[in-house]
C-alpha atoms as a PDB file:
ATOM      1  CA  MET A   1      -8.529  -2.939  -5.364  1.00  0.00           C
ATOM      2  CA  GLU A   2      -6.072  -0.926  -6.257  1.00  0.00           C
ATOM      3  CA  VAL A   3      -3.788  -2.097  -9.495  1.00  0.00           C
ATOM      4  CA  VAL A   4      -0.660  -0.244 -10.866  1.00  0.00           C
ATOM      5  CA  VAL A   5       1.345  -1.712 -13.708  1.00  0.00           C
ATOM      6  CA  GLU A   6       4.784  -1.039 -14.385  1.00  0.00           C
ATOM      7  CA  ALA A   7       6.170  -3.211 -17.526  1.00  0.00           C
ATOM      8  CA  ARG A   8       9.755  -2.622 -18.788  1.00  0.00           C
ATOM      9  CA  PRO A   9      12.346  -5.239 -20.195  1.00  0.00           C
ATOM     10  CA  ASP A  10      14.352  -5.420 -17.376  1.00  0.00           C
ATOM     11  CA  GLU A  11      11.800  -5.731 -14.168  1.00  0.00           C
ATOM     12  CA  GLY A  12       7.754  -5.765 -14.522  1.00  0.00           C
ATOM     13  CA  ARG A  13       6.188  -4.109 -11.427  1.00  0.00           C
ATOM     14  CA  LEU A  14       2.811  -4.604  -9.837  1.00  0.00           C
ATOM     15  CA  LEU A  15       1.465  -2.813  -6.732  1.00  0.00           C
ATOM     16  CA  LEU A  16      -1.136  -3.893  -5.038  1.00  0.00           C
ATOM     17  CA  GLY A  17      -3.401  -1.868  -3.114  1.00  0.00           C
ATOM     18  CA  GLY A  18      -6.340  -2.507  -0.831  1.00  0.00           C
ATOM     19  CA  ASP A  19      -8.102  -6.170  -0.718  1.00  0.00           C
ATOM     20  CA  LEU A  20      -6.697  -8.865  -1.881  1.00  0.00           C
ATOM     21  CA  ASP A  21      -8.991 -11.775  -2.287  1.00  0.00           C
ATOM     22  CA  ILE A  22     -11.668 -14.111  -4.380  1.00  0.00           C
ATOM     23  CA  THR A  23     -13.502 -10.711  -5.590  1.00  0.00           C
ATOM     24  CA  SER A  24     -10.589  -8.558  -6.573  1.00  0.00           C
ATOM     25  CA  ILE A  25      -7.963 -11.144  -7.918  1.00  0.00           C
ATOM     26  CA  GLU A  26      -8.847 -11.024 -11.229  1.00  0.00           C
ATOM     27  CA  ALA A  27      -8.169  -7.479 -11.845  1.00  0.00           C
ATOM     28  CA  ALA A  28      -4.390  -8.440 -10.146  1.00  0.00           C
ATOM     29  CA  ARG A  29      -4.426 -11.265 -12.640  1.00  0.00           C
ATOM     30  CA  ARG A  30      -4.949  -9.115 -16.296  1.00  0.00           C
ATOM     31  CA  ALA A  31      -2.547  -7.072 -14.293  1.00  0.00           C
ATOM     32  CA  PHE A  32       0.250 -10.083 -13.511  1.00  0.00           C
ATOM     33  CA  ASP A  33      -0.865 -11.211 -17.917  1.00  0.00           C
ATOM     34  CA  VAL A  34       0.789  -7.667 -18.749  1.00  0.00           C
ATOM     35  CA  VAL A  35       3.615  -7.473 -17.144  1.00  0.00           C
ATOM     36  CA  ALA A  36       4.374 -11.471 -17.497  1.00  0.00           C
ATOM     37  CA  ALA A  37       4.112 -10.751 -21.986  1.00  0.00           C
ATOM     38  CA  ALA A  38       6.841  -8.077 -21.291  1.00  0.00           C
ATOM     39  CA  GLY A  39       8.987 -10.752 -21.121  1.00  0.00           C
ATOM     40  CA  ALA A  40      11.341  -9.336 -18.224  1.00  0.00           C
ATOM     41  CA  ALA A  41      13.288 -11.619 -16.111  1.00  0.00           C
ATOM     42  CA  ARG A  42      12.096 -10.648 -12.592  1.00  0.00           C
ATOM     43  CA  VAL A  43       8.579  -9.552 -11.444  1.00  0.00           C
ATOM     44  CA  VAL A  44       7.955  -7.978  -8.786  1.00  0.00           C
ATOM     45  CA  VAL A  45       5.299  -7.527  -6.652  1.00  0.00           C
ATOM     46  CA  ASP A  46       4.711  -4.545  -4.420  1.00  0.00           C
ATOM     47  CA  LEU A  47       2.361  -5.370  -1.279  1.00  0.00           C
ATOM     48  CA  HIS A  48       2.996  -2.404   0.542  1.00  0.00           C
ATOM     49  CA  ASP A  49      -0.639  -0.707   0.210  1.00  0.00           C
ATOM     50  CA  VAL A  50      -2.616  -4.651   0.451  1.00  0.00           C
ATOM     51  CA  ALA A  51      -4.423  -4.383   3.621  1.00  0.00           C
ATOM     52  CA  PHE A  52      -6.182  -8.081   3.233  1.00  0.00           C
ATOM     53  CA  MET A  53      -5.163 -10.899   1.537  1.00  0.00           C
ATOM     54  CA  ASP A  54      -7.156 -14.511   1.392  1.00  0.00           C
ATOM     55  CA  SER A  55      -6.087 -17.672   0.267  1.00  0.00           C
ATOM     56  CA  SER A  56      -7.219 -17.687  -3.288  1.00  0.00           C
ATOM     57  CA  ALA A  57      -4.599 -14.662  -3.319  1.00  0.00           C
ATOM     58  CA  LEU A  58      -1.838 -16.704  -1.495  1.00  0.00           C
ATOM     59  CA  GLY A  59      -2.853 -19.471  -4.625  1.00  0.00           C
ATOM     60  CA  MET A  60      -2.743 -16.604  -7.406  1.00  0.00           C
ATOM     61  CA  LEU A  61       1.204 -15.656  -5.721  1.00  0.00           C
ATOM     62  CA  VAL A  62       2.534 -19.379  -5.679  1.00  0.00           C
ATOM     63  CA  GLY A  63       0.791 -19.861  -9.363  1.00  0.00           C
ATOM     64  CA  TRP A  64       2.859 -16.779 -10.695  1.00  0.00           C
ATOM     65  CA  HIS A  65       5.615 -18.198  -9.236  1.00  0.00           C
ATOM     66  CA  LYS A  66       5.282 -21.629 -10.702  1.00  0.00           C
ATOM     67  CA  LEU A  67       5.082 -19.891 -14.137  1.00  0.00           C
ATOM     68  CA  LEU A  68       7.533 -17.307 -14.042  1.00  0.00           C
ATOM     69  CA  ALA A  69      10.114 -20.332 -13.018  1.00  0.00           C
ATOM     70  CA  ALA A  70       8.988 -22.805 -15.574  1.00  0.00           C
ATOM     71  CA  ALA A  71      10.038 -20.031 -17.953  1.00  0.00           C
ATOM     72  CA  GLY A  72      13.613 -19.661 -16.014  1.00  0.00           C
ATOM     73  CA  ARG A  73      12.258 -16.043 -14.655  1.00  0.00           C
ATOM     74  CA  THR A  74      11.866 -14.806 -10.618  1.00  0.00           C
ATOM     75  CA  LEU A  75       9.048 -13.327  -8.331  1.00  0.00           C
ATOM     76  CA  ALA A  76       9.725 -11.165  -6.043  1.00  0.00           C
ATOM     77  CA  LEU A  77       7.453  -9.620  -3.265  1.00  0.00           C
ATOM     78  CA  GLU A  78       8.119  -6.469  -2.359  1.00  0.00           C
ATOM     79  CA  ARG A  79       7.222  -4.066   1.065  1.00  0.00           C
ATOM     80  CA  VAL A  80       5.335  -6.970   2.603  1.00  0.00           C
ATOM     81  CA  PRO A  81       2.799  -5.875   5.214  1.00  0.00           C
ATOM     82  CA  GLN A  82       3.559  -7.263   8.848  1.00  0.00           C
ATOM     83  CA  ARG A  83       0.497  -9.190   9.006  1.00  0.00           C
ATOM     84  CA  ILE A  84       0.931 -10.631   5.293  1.00  0.00           C
ATOM     85  CA  ALA A  85       4.494 -11.880   6.074  1.00  0.00           C
ATOM     86  CA  ARG A  86       3.156 -13.356   9.087  1.00  0.00           C
ATOM     87  CA  MET A  87       0.239 -15.201   6.881  1.00  0.00           C
ATOM     88  CA  LEU A  88       3.670 -15.680   4.475  1.00  0.00           C
ATOM     89  CA  SER A  89       5.417 -17.654   7.149  1.00  0.00           C
ATOM     90  CA  LEU A  90       2.625 -19.415   8.581  1.00  0.00           C
ATOM     91  CA  THR A  91       1.848 -21.374   5.240  1.00  0.00           C
ATOM     92  CA  GLY A  92       5.492 -21.672   4.899  1.00  0.00           C
ATOM     93  CA  LEU A  93       5.539 -19.624   1.245  1.00  0.00           C
ATOM     94  CA  ASP A  94       8.301 -17.187   2.763  1.00  0.00           C
ATOM     95  CA  ARG A  95      10.556 -20.349   1.899  1.00  0.00           C
ATOM     96  CA  VAL A  96       9.013 -20.513  -1.792  1.00  0.00           C
ATOM     97  CA  LEU A  97       8.584 -16.990  -2.459  1.00  0.00           C
ATOM     98  CA  GLU A  98      11.232 -14.320  -2.390  1.00  0.00           C
ATOM     99  CA  VAL A  99      10.067 -11.909   0.433  1.00  0.00           C
ATOM    100  CA  ARG A 100      11.111  -8.205   1.316  1.00  0.00           C
ATOM    101  CA  PRO A 101       9.569  -7.007   4.546  1.00  0.00           C
ATOM    102  CA  ALA A 102       7.889  -3.220   4.571  1.00  0.00           C
END
């Protein structure tokens, strides 16, 4: 798993790559904590280079959404690959999360 963090006051960004699953999500969680701590009103997660995502990763994204929403902040998924967009659609998460296709 690859993680790049861009924490700015106006917008925090996480660029994720590789497999996002139960064995690798801890690195993503640590990166999110850095971005969230910067206090940006909007956090964008770029999924362009994610090859695989399992249910634990979906749960993590929902958790991030809830955490940010409780603080009046937003989460957006950006450059979402077709296979992951389909998973979000099948689970109904595309109606809960802001999803921008690749």
